[in-house]
N, C-alpha and C. Protein backbone atom coordinates (compact mmCIF):
# COMPACT_ATOMS: atom_id res chain seq x y z
N MET A 1 -16.41 5.05 5.39
CA MET A 1 -15.35 4.99 6.23
C MET A 1 -13.89 5.07 5.74
N ALA A 2 -13.21 5.99 6.16
CA ALA A 2 -11.71 6.05 5.98
C ALA A 2 -10.97 5.28 6.39
N ARG A 3 -9.79 4.84 6.00
CA ARG A 3 -8.91 3.93 6.51
C ARG A 3 -8.12 4.55 7.46
N VAL A 4 -8.03 5.85 7.50
CA VAL A 4 -7.44 6.52 8.66
C VAL A 4 -8.05 7.77 8.91
N LYS A 5 -7.90 8.52 10.14
CA LYS A 5 -8.56 10.00 10.51
C LYS A 5 -7.78 10.74 9.49
N TYR A 6 -8.57 11.85 9.28
CA TYR A 6 -7.82 12.98 8.43
C TYR A 6 -8.78 14.28 8.58
N THR A 7 -7.72 15.24 8.28
CA THR A 7 -8.45 16.71 8.26
C THR A 7 -8.09 17.14 6.59
N ASN A 8 -8.93 18.25 6.54
CA ASN A 8 -8.48 19.02 5.15
C ASN A 8 -7.06 19.19 5.16
N SER A 9 -6.25 19.72 6.04
CA SER A 9 -4.82 19.92 6.06
C SER A 9 -4.15 18.64 5.76
N ASP A 10 -4.44 17.69 6.26
CA ASP A 10 -3.89 16.40 6.02
C ASP A 10 -3.82 15.93 4.59
N ILE A 11 -5.00 16.17 3.69
CA ILE A 11 -5.21 16.13 2.51
C ILE A 11 -4.14 16.98 1.64
N ASP A 12 -4.02 18.05 1.98
CA ASP A 12 -3.27 19.05 1.38
C ASP A 12 -1.67 18.51 1.60
N LEU A 13 -1.38 18.26 2.79
CA LEU A 13 0.16 17.72 3.13
C LEU A 13 0.23 16.60 2.30
N MET A 14 -0.59 15.43 2.31
CA MET A 14 -0.47 14.22 1.62
C MET A 14 -0.20 14.52 0.21
N ALA A 15 -1.25 15.26 -0.41
CA ALA A 15 -1.17 15.50 -1.88
C ALA A 15 0.37 16.20 -2.20
N ARG A 16 0.82 17.06 -1.38
CA ARG A 16 2.03 17.67 -1.77
C ARG A 16 3.19 16.77 -1.66
N MET A 17 2.97 15.70 -0.85
CA MET A 17 4.21 14.70 -0.80
C MET A 17 3.97 13.52 -1.81
N MET A 18 2.71 13.31 -2.27
CA MET A 18 2.63 12.34 -3.46
C MET A 18 3.16 13.03 -4.61
N ARG A 19 2.80 14.22 -4.79
CA ARG A 19 3.38 14.98 -6.28
C ARG A 19 4.80 15.01 -6.08
N ALA A 20 5.54 15.49 -4.83
CA ALA A 20 6.89 15.68 -4.91
C ALA A 20 7.70 14.17 -4.84
N GLU A 21 7.14 13.23 -4.39
CA GLU A 21 7.70 11.91 -4.43
C GLU A 21 7.51 11.28 -5.93
N ALA A 22 6.41 11.39 -6.52
CA ALA A 22 6.30 10.73 -7.44
C ALA A 22 5.35 11.19 -8.68
N GLU A 23 5.41 12.44 -8.96
CA GLU A 23 4.76 13.31 -9.92
C GLU A 23 5.29 12.53 -11.46
N GLY A 24 6.53 12.18 -11.53
CA GLY A 24 7.03 11.66 -12.70
C GLY A 24 6.33 10.28 -13.13
N GLU A 25 5.73 9.59 -12.17
CA GLU A 25 5.35 8.44 -12.41
C GLU A 25 3.65 8.22 -12.49
N GLY A 26 3.37 9.61 -12.67
CA GLY A 26 1.95 9.66 -13.19
C GLY A 26 0.92 9.44 -11.80
N ARG A 27 -0.44 9.46 -12.20
CA ARG A 27 -1.57 9.26 -11.24
C ARG A 27 -1.26 7.91 -10.26
N LEU A 28 -0.98 6.85 -11.00
CA LEU A 28 -0.86 5.60 -10.36
C LEU A 28 0.48 5.53 -9.30
N GLY A 29 1.53 6.18 -9.92
CA GLY A 29 2.58 6.17 -9.06
C GLY A 29 2.35 6.97 -7.72
N MET A 30 1.53 8.19 -7.86
CA MET A 30 1.37 8.92 -6.68
C MET A 30 0.33 8.13 -5.90
N LEU A 31 -0.62 7.47 -6.38
CA LEU A 31 -1.53 6.87 -5.55
C LEU A 31 -0.77 5.69 -4.66
N MET A 32 0.24 5.28 -5.24
CA MET A 32 1.04 4.04 -4.55
C MET A 32 1.92 4.78 -3.52
N VAL A 33 2.52 5.95 -3.59
CA VAL A 33 3.12 6.75 -2.48
C VAL A 33 2.14 7.20 -1.39
N GLY A 34 1.16 7.63 -1.71
CA GLY A 34 -0.05 7.78 -0.65
C GLY A 34 -0.32 6.66 -0.11
N ASN A 35 -0.45 5.60 -0.72
CA ASN A 35 -0.82 4.40 -0.09
C ASN A 35 0.29 4.04 1.14
N VAL A 36 1.51 4.16 0.68
CA VAL A 36 2.42 3.78 1.78
C VAL A 36 2.46 4.82 3.07
N ILE A 37 2.06 6.18 2.54
CA ILE A 37 1.84 7.00 3.69
C ILE A 37 0.60 6.42 4.82
N VAL A 38 -0.46 5.91 4.05
CA VAL A 38 -1.52 5.62 4.80
C VAL A 38 -1.22 4.31 5.60
N ASN A 39 -0.37 3.60 5.05
CA ASN A 39 0.04 1.98 5.71
C ASN A 39 0.79 2.44 6.93
N ARG A 40 1.70 3.30 6.67
CA ARG A 40 2.61 3.73 8.08
C ARG A 40 1.66 4.14 8.97
N VAL A 41 0.64 4.92 8.77
CA VAL A 41 -0.08 5.67 9.89
C VAL A 41 -0.83 4.46 10.57
N LYS A 42 -1.20 3.46 9.88
CA LYS A 42 -2.14 2.23 10.21
C LYS A 42 -1.06 1.23 10.91
N ALA A 43 0.06 1.20 10.55
CA ALA A 43 1.06 -0.09 10.99
C ALA A 43 1.45 0.03 12.47
N ASP A 44 1.75 1.01 13.16
CA ASP A 44 2.19 0.93 14.48
C ASP A 44 3.07 -0.03 14.92
N CYS A 45 4.00 -0.31 14.03
CA CYS A 45 5.02 -1.37 14.35
C CYS A 45 6.39 -1.01 13.80
N LEU A 46 7.54 -1.54 13.97
CA LEU A 46 8.59 -1.49 13.28
C LEU A 46 9.20 0.00 13.55
N ASP A 47 9.37 0.62 12.25
CA ASP A 47 10.08 2.10 12.19
C ASP A 47 8.91 2.82 12.38
N PHE A 48 7.49 2.62 12.62
CA PHE A 48 6.51 3.41 12.60
C PHE A 48 5.64 3.18 13.81
N GLN A 49 6.16 2.87 14.94
CA GLN A 49 5.69 2.67 16.16
C GLN A 49 5.15 3.99 16.74
N GLY A 50 3.90 4.16 16.84
CA GLY A 50 3.37 5.53 17.67
C GLY A 50 3.00 6.52 16.56
N LEU A 51 3.11 6.45 15.53
CA LEU A 51 2.87 7.33 14.47
C LEU A 51 1.32 7.29 14.16
N ARG A 52 0.60 8.17 14.45
CA ARG A 52 -0.86 8.08 14.42
C ARG A 52 -1.65 8.93 13.45
N THR A 53 -0.86 9.97 13.07
CA THR A 53 -1.49 10.95 11.95
C THR A 53 -0.48 10.94 10.66
N ILE A 54 -1.13 11.48 9.77
CA ILE A 54 -0.52 11.66 8.39
C ILE A 54 0.81 12.84 8.67
N PRO A 55 0.66 13.75 9.37
CA PRO A 55 1.78 14.74 9.61
C PRO A 55 2.90 14.02 10.52
N ASN A 56 2.48 13.02 11.38
CA ASN A 56 3.45 12.41 12.17
C ASN A 56 4.26 11.47 11.18
N VAL A 57 3.62 10.85 10.11
CA VAL A 57 4.34 10.18 9.35
C VAL A 57 5.26 10.90 8.24
N ILE A 58 4.54 12.01 7.53
CA ILE A 58 5.53 12.78 6.74
C ILE A 58 6.67 13.49 7.41
N TYR A 59 6.46 13.91 8.52
CA TYR A 59 7.46 14.80 9.35
C TYR A 59 8.38 13.73 10.03
N GLN A 60 8.24 12.41 9.96
CA GLN A 60 9.07 11.46 10.77
C GLN A 60 10.59 11.75 10.48
N VAL A 61 11.33 11.74 11.53
CA VAL A 61 12.78 11.66 11.43
C VAL A 61 13.28 10.38 12.09
N GLN A 62 14.26 9.94 11.08
CA GLN A 62 14.92 8.55 11.52
C GLN A 62 16.32 8.85 11.23
N GLY A 63 17.19 8.53 12.13
CA GLY A 63 18.60 8.60 11.75
C GLY A 63 19.24 9.91 11.51
N GLY A 64 18.47 10.94 12.07
CA GLY A 64 18.79 12.45 11.84
C GLY A 64 18.24 12.87 10.49
N ASN A 65 17.53 12.10 9.70
CA ASN A 65 17.02 12.54 8.48
C ASN A 65 15.50 12.58 8.49
N TYR A 66 14.78 13.23 7.66
CA TYR A 66 13.33 13.07 7.43
C TYR A 66 13.16 11.70 6.69
N SER A 67 12.19 10.83 7.02
CA SER A 67 11.98 9.77 6.23
C SER A 67 11.71 9.88 4.92
N PHE A 68 11.08 11.18 4.40
CA PHE A 68 10.94 11.40 2.88
C PHE A 68 11.80 12.30 2.50
N GLU A 69 12.67 12.19 1.75
CA GLU A 69 13.49 12.98 1.27
C GLU A 69 12.75 14.51 0.78
N ALA A 70 11.95 14.45 0.29
CA ALA A 70 11.25 15.59 -0.28
C ALA A 70 10.83 16.60 0.72
N VAL A 71 10.77 16.30 2.04
CA VAL A 71 10.51 17.23 3.16
C VAL A 71 11.86 18.13 3.31
N GLN A 72 13.16 17.49 3.22
CA GLN A 72 14.36 18.12 3.17
C GLN A 72 14.64 18.92 2.02
N LYS A 73 14.60 18.17 0.76
CA LYS A 73 15.28 18.67 -0.34
C LYS A 73 14.11 19.18 -1.31
N GLY A 74 12.93 18.89 -1.11
CA GLY A 74 11.98 19.06 -2.14
C GLY A 74 11.44 20.42 -2.28
N ASN A 75 11.68 21.19 -3.45
CA ASN A 75 11.18 22.35 -3.60
C ASN A 75 9.61 22.34 -4.12
N VAL A 76 9.22 20.94 -4.68
CA VAL A 76 7.92 20.60 -5.16
C VAL A 76 7.10 20.61 -4.01
N PHE A 77 7.72 19.87 -2.83
CA PHE A 77 6.76 19.60 -1.76
C PHE A 77 6.23 20.80 -0.89
N TYR A 78 7.20 21.89 -1.13
CA TYR A 78 6.67 23.41 -0.76
C TYR A 78 5.91 24.13 -1.41
N GLN A 79 5.57 23.71 -2.61
CA GLN A 79 4.53 24.36 -3.41
C GLN A 79 3.00 23.87 -3.04
N ARG A 80 2.01 24.78 -3.43
CA ARG A 80 0.78 24.60 -3.11
C ARG A 80 0.01 23.24 -3.64
N ALA A 81 -0.54 22.43 -2.88
CA ALA A 81 -1.25 21.36 -3.47
C ALA A 81 -2.33 21.61 -4.58
N ARG A 82 -2.06 20.99 -5.49
CA ARG A 82 -3.20 21.09 -6.68
C ARG A 82 -4.37 20.31 -6.64
N ASN A 83 -5.64 20.71 -6.92
CA ASN A 83 -6.62 19.87 -6.75
C ASN A 83 -6.63 18.38 -7.42
N ALA A 84 -5.97 17.95 -8.46
CA ALA A 84 -5.68 16.68 -8.96
C ALA A 84 -5.07 16.09 -7.89
N GLU A 85 -4.08 16.38 -7.36
CA GLU A 85 -3.27 15.62 -6.13
C GLU A 85 -4.13 15.49 -5.05
N LYS A 86 -4.87 16.63 -4.70
CA LYS A 86 -5.83 16.60 -3.47
C LYS A 86 -6.81 15.37 -3.75
N ARG A 87 -7.48 15.13 -4.89
CA ARG A 87 -8.39 14.18 -5.10
C ARG A 87 -7.73 12.92 -4.96
N LEU A 88 -6.54 12.58 -5.61
CA LEU A 88 -5.80 11.22 -5.27
C LEU A 88 -5.44 10.91 -3.80
N ALA A 89 -5.06 12.00 -3.17
CA ALA A 89 -4.85 11.79 -1.65
C ALA A 89 -6.13 11.34 -1.00
N GLU A 90 -7.10 12.12 -1.21
CA GLU A 90 -8.40 11.64 -0.57
C GLU A 90 -8.68 10.31 -0.95
N GLN A 91 -8.65 9.75 -2.19
CA GLN A 91 -8.79 8.60 -2.78
C GLN A 91 -7.96 7.57 -1.95
N THR A 92 -6.86 7.68 -1.71
CA THR A 92 -5.94 6.75 -1.04
C THR A 92 -6.27 6.73 0.37
N ILE A 93 -6.81 7.79 0.94
CA ILE A 93 -7.19 7.74 2.38
C ILE A 93 -8.53 6.92 2.51
N LYS A 94 -9.35 7.15 1.53
CA LYS A 94 -10.77 6.55 1.79
C LYS A 94 -10.76 5.04 1.39
N TYR A 95 -10.13 4.63 0.41
CA TYR A 95 -10.46 3.38 0.03
C TYR A 95 -9.28 2.64 -0.88
N TRP A 96 -8.34 3.33 -1.59
CA TRP A 96 -7.45 2.94 -2.55
C TRP A 96 -6.48 2.07 -2.10
N ARG A 97 -6.18 0.94 -2.68
CA ARG A 97 -4.94 0.00 -2.29
C ARG A 97 -4.94 -0.81 -3.50
N GLN A 98 -3.36 -0.95 -3.88
CA GLN A 98 -3.29 -1.90 -5.04
C GLN A 98 -1.69 -2.36 -5.16
N HIS A 99 -1.67 -3.44 -5.38
CA HIS A 99 -0.17 -4.15 -5.68
C HIS A 99 0.69 -3.30 -6.57
N PRO A 100 1.98 -3.09 -6.36
CA PRO A 100 2.64 -3.80 -5.31
C PRO A 100 2.78 -2.86 -4.04
N SER A 101 2.02 -1.76 -3.98
CA SER A 101 1.97 -0.97 -2.66
C SER A 101 0.84 -1.32 -1.53
N LYS A 102 0.15 -2.25 -1.91
CA LYS A 102 -1.19 -2.52 -1.06
C LYS A 102 -0.71 -2.63 0.45
N TYR A 103 0.26 -3.38 0.78
CA TYR A 103 0.73 -3.54 2.06
C TYR A 103 2.19 -2.90 2.41
N ALA A 104 2.79 -2.03 1.40
CA ALA A 104 3.93 -1.70 1.67
C ALA A 104 4.20 -0.75 2.68
N LEU A 105 5.31 -0.65 3.22
CA LEU A 105 5.74 0.48 4.24
C LEU A 105 6.88 1.13 3.89
N TRP A 106 7.56 0.59 2.79
CA TRP A 106 8.58 1.28 2.29
C TRP A 106 8.81 1.22 0.69
N TYR A 107 9.28 2.21 0.38
CA TYR A 107 9.83 2.29 -1.20
C TYR A 107 11.09 3.15 -1.51
N PHE A 108 11.56 2.82 -2.75
CA PHE A 108 12.56 3.71 -3.03
C PHE A 108 12.93 3.56 -4.38
N ASN A 109 13.76 4.50 -4.74
CA ASN A 109 14.14 4.36 -6.44
C ASN A 109 15.57 4.02 -6.55
N PRO A 110 15.92 2.71 -6.90
CA PRO A 110 17.42 2.34 -6.89
C PRO A 110 18.31 2.79 -7.86
N TYR A 111 17.55 3.46 -9.03
CA TYR A 111 18.30 3.88 -10.13
C TYR A 111 18.90 2.43 -10.81
N GLY A 112 18.21 1.57 -10.78
CA GLY A 112 18.67 0.17 -11.33
C GLY A 112 17.53 -0.84 -10.91
N GLU A 113 18.03 -2.14 -10.83
CA GLU A 113 17.13 -3.12 -10.37
C GLU A 113 16.84 -3.08 -9.02
N CYS A 114 15.70 -3.45 -8.71
CA CYS A 114 14.94 -3.66 -7.40
C CYS A 114 15.81 -4.75 -6.52
N PRO A 115 16.46 -4.50 -5.41
CA PRO A 115 16.94 -5.48 -4.50
C PRO A 115 15.89 -6.39 -4.13
N PRO A 116 16.09 -7.85 -3.95
CA PRO A 116 15.12 -8.73 -3.52
C PRO A 116 14.48 -8.15 -1.98
N THR A 117 15.37 -7.49 -1.34
CA THR A 117 15.03 -7.14 0.11
C THR A 117 15.67 -5.92 0.36
N TRP A 118 15.11 -5.16 1.19
CA TRP A 118 15.78 -3.84 1.54
C TRP A 118 15.67 -3.78 3.10
N TYR A 119 16.71 -3.49 3.75
CA TYR A 119 16.90 -3.37 5.14
C TYR A 119 16.12 -4.70 5.63
N GLY A 120 16.11 -5.85 5.06
CA GLY A 120 15.63 -7.16 5.50
C GLY A 120 14.05 -7.37 5.18
N GLN A 121 13.37 -6.44 4.52
CA GLN A 121 12.15 -6.58 4.11
C GLN A 121 12.07 -6.98 3.04
N PRO A 122 11.03 -7.88 2.45
CA PRO A 122 10.61 -8.46 1.00
C PRO A 122 10.15 -7.67 0.18
N LEU A 123 10.74 -7.49 -1.12
CA LEU A 123 10.28 -6.85 -2.24
C LEU A 123 8.63 -7.44 -2.55
N THR A 124 7.82 -6.57 -2.65
CA THR A 124 6.49 -6.87 -3.17
C THR A 124 6.33 -6.41 -4.77
N GLY A 125 7.38 -5.71 -5.21
CA GLY A 125 7.14 -5.47 -6.70
C GLY A 125 7.60 -4.17 -7.08
N GLN A 126 7.47 -3.77 -8.24
CA GLN A 126 8.14 -2.58 -8.89
C GLN A 126 7.05 -1.92 -9.55
N TYR A 127 6.97 -0.42 -9.51
CA TYR A 127 5.86 0.23 -10.33
C TYR A 127 6.87 1.49 -11.02
N LYS A 128 7.12 1.62 -12.39
CA LYS A 128 8.08 2.39 -12.87
C LYS A 128 9.44 2.41 -12.15
N GLN A 129 9.79 3.47 -11.54
CA GLN A 129 11.22 3.65 -10.94
C GLN A 129 11.24 3.22 -9.44
N HIS A 130 10.07 3.15 -8.78
CA HIS A 130 10.00 2.80 -7.32
C HIS A 130 9.83 1.19 -7.09
N CYS A 131 10.59 0.86 -6.19
CA CYS A 131 10.47 -0.66 -5.66
C CYS A 131 9.73 -0.52 -4.31
N TYR A 132 8.89 -1.56 -3.96
CA TYR A 132 8.00 -1.30 -2.86
C TYR A 132 8.14 -2.71 -2.12
N TYR A 133 8.15 -2.45 -0.75
CA TYR A 133 8.63 -3.43 0.09
C TYR A 133 7.70 -3.62 1.43
N GLU A 134 7.12 -4.67 1.72
CA GLU A 134 6.35 -4.91 2.80
C GLU A 134 7.05 -5.47 4.01
N PRO A 135 6.40 -5.43 5.36
CA PRO A 135 7.19 -6.16 6.32
C PRO A 135 7.25 -7.68 6.31
N GLN A 136 8.33 -8.15 6.74
CA GLN A 136 8.55 -9.68 6.77
C GLN A 136 7.21 -10.36 7.49
N ALA A 137 6.96 -11.44 6.98
CA ALA A 137 5.81 -12.15 7.66
C ALA A 137 5.78 -12.18 9.25
N ASN A 138 4.60 -11.79 9.83
CA ASN A 138 4.36 -12.08 11.32
C ASN A 138 5.15 -10.77 11.99
N THR A 139 5.49 -9.94 11.35
CA THR A 139 6.30 -8.66 12.17
C THR A 139 5.43 -7.39 12.34
N CYS A 140 4.45 -7.34 11.62
CA CYS A 140 3.58 -6.11 11.63
C CYS A 140 2.29 -6.44 11.06
N ALA A 141 1.43 -6.74 12.14
CA ALA A 141 -0.14 -7.10 11.66
C ALA A 141 -0.75 -5.80 11.28
N GLY A 142 -0.42 -4.55 11.81
CA GLY A 142 -0.94 -3.35 11.67
C GLY A 142 -1.11 -3.00 9.95
N ALA A 143 0.18 -3.36 9.31
CA ALA A 143 0.39 -3.04 7.96
C ALA A 143 -0.70 -3.85 7.12
N TYR A 144 -1.46 -4.93 7.60
CA TYR A 144 -2.27 -5.53 6.77
C TYR A 144 -3.88 -5.27 7.10
N ARG A 145 -3.90 -4.19 7.92
CA ARG A 145 -5.38 -3.96 8.19
C ARG A 145 -5.95 -3.14 7.09
């Protein structure tokens, strides 16, 4: 049983995003980005209310910009998905979750130390250059499903 519903085109889209956002952080870094994408589909709260599919999450616009910078600026995102990343995307959709991205809904690269909070959300940890943040307690039960 998969964590969220998906199609082959969702796998392709997610694989492209994982590579574009975290290729430099290796397999584990890409899995963590994929986990955040799946968590946002499941969350249905806060900034992610009403997002029900992987494309909804990846193409979400907030404050006039895409939530994922790679959609707007990433030439890597627009390259064909590779089999290695497709396998990682499918793994994340089906079962993969690991700290610090296990319940995270946000991540970013601060090009320095991770702030203890980001837009009021607590830091769960860091993997290489990315800092991961999960919702404040009792604000988003869906993130923990």
